[in-house]
């Protein structure tokens, strides 16, 4: 049998996170989001050289910081310009679980004009996570009407 050029379970874009204390990050993701750890490779110096977790159908890779290779966490950089977005069955339950595990809630769960209920969380290492539960199937016209009504209400 031929080797698959894209391994099963690795389809699509896979976030790769640089974490300060990746072992603690793995524990947090397991506790906060129910992540399943698939792999952890340790370096001789004790750092996590590579790890993989699964949250729902999303595969995520992470490792400790390796500043000598330009691989730095949001803490080292003073913030992050990117986040991870995941759809979940119950965004409110995910936020409650993440809060209990130590996540900072940046934006509480709220219904959005585009049909999702969503929230924003920040893990102690500085990574931003966007969680949503899709509540309504809307046409682009319905979304535009709702956005316009929201902006009018907010005085934009």
Protein backbone atom coordinates (compact mmCIF):
# COMPACT_ATOMS: atom_id res chain seq x y z
CA UNK A 1 0.00 0.00 0.00
CA UNK A 2 1.29 3.46 -0.91
CA UNK A 3 2.13 5.98 1.78
CA UNK A 4 -0.44 8.77 1.98
CA UNK A 5 1.16 12.17 1.23
CA UNK A 6 -1.24 13.72 3.77
CA UNK A 7 -1.62 11.43 6.79
CA UNK A 8 -5.12 10.64 7.98
CA UNK A 9 -6.14 13.07 10.73
CA UNK A 10 -3.77 15.78 9.47
CA UNK A 11 -5.98 17.24 6.75
CA UNK A 12 -6.32 21.03 6.64
CA UNK A 13 -4.33 23.67 8.47
CA UNK A 14 -2.88 22.60 11.83
CA UNK A 15 -1.96 25.30 14.34
CA UNK A 16 1.51 24.91 15.87
CA UNK A 17 1.83 26.72 19.20
CA UNK A 18 4.96 27.89 20.95
CA UNK A 19 4.35 27.65 24.69
CA UNK A 20 6.26 28.73 27.72
CA UNK A 21 6.02 25.51 29.74
CA UNK A 22 4.42 23.23 27.14
CA UNK A 23 3.91 20.45 29.71
CA UNK A 24 1.64 22.78 31.71
CA UNK A 25 -0.09 23.79 28.47
CA UNK A 26 -0.83 20.14 27.70
CA UNK A 27 -2.30 19.68 31.18
CA UNK A 28 -4.38 22.85 30.76
CA UNK A 29 -5.77 21.84 27.36
CA UNK A 30 -6.71 18.43 28.74
CA UNK A 31 -8.43 19.98 31.76
CA UNK A 32 -10.01 23.00 30.07
CA UNK A 33 -11.02 21.59 26.69
CA UNK A 34 -10.96 17.82 27.08
CA UNK A 35 -7.97 17.52 24.76
CA UNK A 36 -6.57 14.09 24.00
CA UNK A 37 -2.78 13.92 23.88
CA UNK A 38 -1.50 11.90 20.92
CA UNK A 39 2.23 12.45 21.17
CA UNK A 40 4.89 14.08 23.35
CA UNK A 41 8.58 14.05 22.45
CA UNK A 42 10.94 15.35 25.09
CA UNK A 43 14.29 17.01 24.44
CA UNK A 44 17.39 16.00 26.43
CA UNK A 45 17.23 19.40 28.19
CA UNK A 46 13.70 18.64 29.50
CA UNK A 47 11.77 20.81 27.06
CA UNK A 48 8.84 19.45 25.09
CA UNK A 49 10.28 19.26 21.57
CA UNK A 50 6.96 18.37 19.93
CA UNK A 51 3.50 17.37 21.11
CA UNK A 52 0.15 16.80 19.46
CA UNK A 53 -3.33 17.04 20.91
CA UNK A 54 -6.82 16.58 19.55
CA UNK A 55 -9.83 18.69 20.55
CA UNK A 56 -12.89 17.36 18.80
CA UNK A 57 -11.71 16.84 15.22
CA UNK A 58 -9.04 19.56 15.45
CA UNK A 59 -5.39 18.48 15.62
CA UNK A 60 -3.05 20.98 17.29
CA UNK A 61 0.73 20.79 17.61
CA UNK A 62 2.79 22.53 20.25
CA UNK A 63 6.21 22.69 21.81
CA UNK A 64 8.19 24.62 24.36
CA UNK A 65 9.81 27.86 23.30
CA UNK A 66 13.04 27.50 21.34
CA UNK A 67 14.27 31.11 21.16
CA UNK A 68 17.53 29.88 19.62
CA UNK A 69 15.40 28.88 16.60
CA UNK A 70 13.15 31.98 16.65
CA UNK A 71 10.26 29.93 18.11
CA UNK A 72 8.84 32.14 20.86
CA UNK A 73 5.59 32.17 22.80
CA UNK A 74 3.14 35.09 23.03
CA UNK A 75 4.60 35.84 26.48
CA UNK A 76 8.07 36.34 24.99
CA UNK A 77 6.64 38.48 22.19
CA UNK A 78 4.29 40.54 24.38
CA UNK A 79 1.10 39.22 22.75
CA UNK A 80 -0.12 37.32 19.73
CA UNK A 81 -1.65 38.43 16.42
CA UNK A 82 -3.33 35.05 15.80
CA UNK A 83 -5.81 32.82 17.54
CA UNK A 84 -7.42 29.42 17.21
CA UNK A 85 -11.12 29.14 16.36
CA UNK A 86 -13.06 25.99 17.21
CA UNK A 87 -16.73 25.16 16.87
CA UNK A 88 -18.03 23.19 19.85
CA UNK A 89 -21.36 21.69 20.89
CA UNK A 90 -21.85 24.04 23.88
CA UNK A 91 -19.74 27.19 24.05
CA UNK A 92 -21.06 28.11 27.50
CA UNK A 93 -19.95 24.75 28.94
CA UNK A 94 -16.51 25.07 27.31
CA UNK A 95 -16.05 28.56 28.76
CA UNK A 96 -17.11 27.43 32.24
CA UNK A 97 -14.68 24.47 32.10
CA UNK A 98 -11.83 26.65 30.77
CA UNK A 99 -12.45 29.30 33.44
CA UNK A 100 -12.27 26.64 36.14
CA UNK A 101 -8.95 25.47 34.66
CA UNK A 102 -7.46 28.98 34.75
CA UNK A 103 -8.31 30.56 31.39
CA UNK A 104 -8.93 34.28 31.24
CA UNK A 105 -12.26 35.14 29.64
CA UNK A 106 -11.62 37.98 27.19
CA UNK A 107 -15.18 37.97 25.83
CA UNK A 108 -18.04 36.13 27.58
CA UNK A 109 -20.31 33.91 25.48
CA UNK A 110 -22.82 35.98 23.52
CA UNK A 111 -25.15 35.51 20.57
CA UNK A 112 -23.74 37.12 17.42
CA UNK A 113 -25.57 38.70 14.48
CA UNK A 114 -24.13 36.10 12.10
CA UNK A 115 -25.80 33.16 13.85
CA UNK A 116 -23.13 31.91 16.25
CA UNK A 117 -22.86 32.10 20.02
CA UNK A 118 -19.19 32.79 20.67
CA UNK A 119 -16.60 33.67 23.28
CA UNK A 120 -12.89 34.51 23.44
CA UNK A 121 -10.50 32.97 25.95
CA UNK A 122 -6.84 33.47 26.70
CA UNK A 123 -4.71 30.68 28.08
CA UNK A 124 -2.10 31.66 30.71
CA UNK A 125 0.68 31.38 28.08
CA UNK A 126 -1.00 34.12 26.02
CA UNK A 127 -2.66 32.11 23.24
CA UNK A 128 -6.12 33.34 22.22
CA UNK A 129 -8.89 30.82 21.58
CA UNK A 130 -12.19 31.63 19.91
CA UNK A 131 -15.00 29.16 20.61
CA UNK A 132 -18.41 29.16 18.96
CA UNK A 133 -21.59 27.15 18.76
CA UNK A 134 -23.47 27.63 15.51
CA UNK A 135 -27.10 28.46 16.37
CA UNK A 136 -28.68 29.67 13.11
CA UNK A 137 -28.19 29.11 9.39
CA UNK A 138 -28.50 32.56 7.81
CA UNK A 139 -28.23 33.86 4.27
CA UNK A 140 -25.64 36.55 3.49
CA UNK A 141 -28.52 39.06 3.14
CA UNK A 142 -29.85 38.17 6.61
CA UNK A 143 -26.39 38.59 8.09
CA UNK A 144 -25.98 41.99 6.37
CA UNK A 145 -29.38 43.16 7.67
CA UNK A 146 -28.53 42.09 11.21
CA UNK A 147 -25.11 43.73 11.06
CA UNK A 148 -26.65 47.00 9.83
CA UNK A 149 -29.30 46.90 12.57
CA UNK A 150 -26.62 46.24 15.21
CA UNK A 151 -24.46 49.12 13.95
CA UNK A 152 -27.47 51.46 13.96
CA UNK A 153 -28.31 50.45 17.53
CA UNK A 154 -24.68 51.02 18.58
CA UNK A 155 -24.61 54.38 16.79
CA UNK A 156 -21.86 53.55 14.31
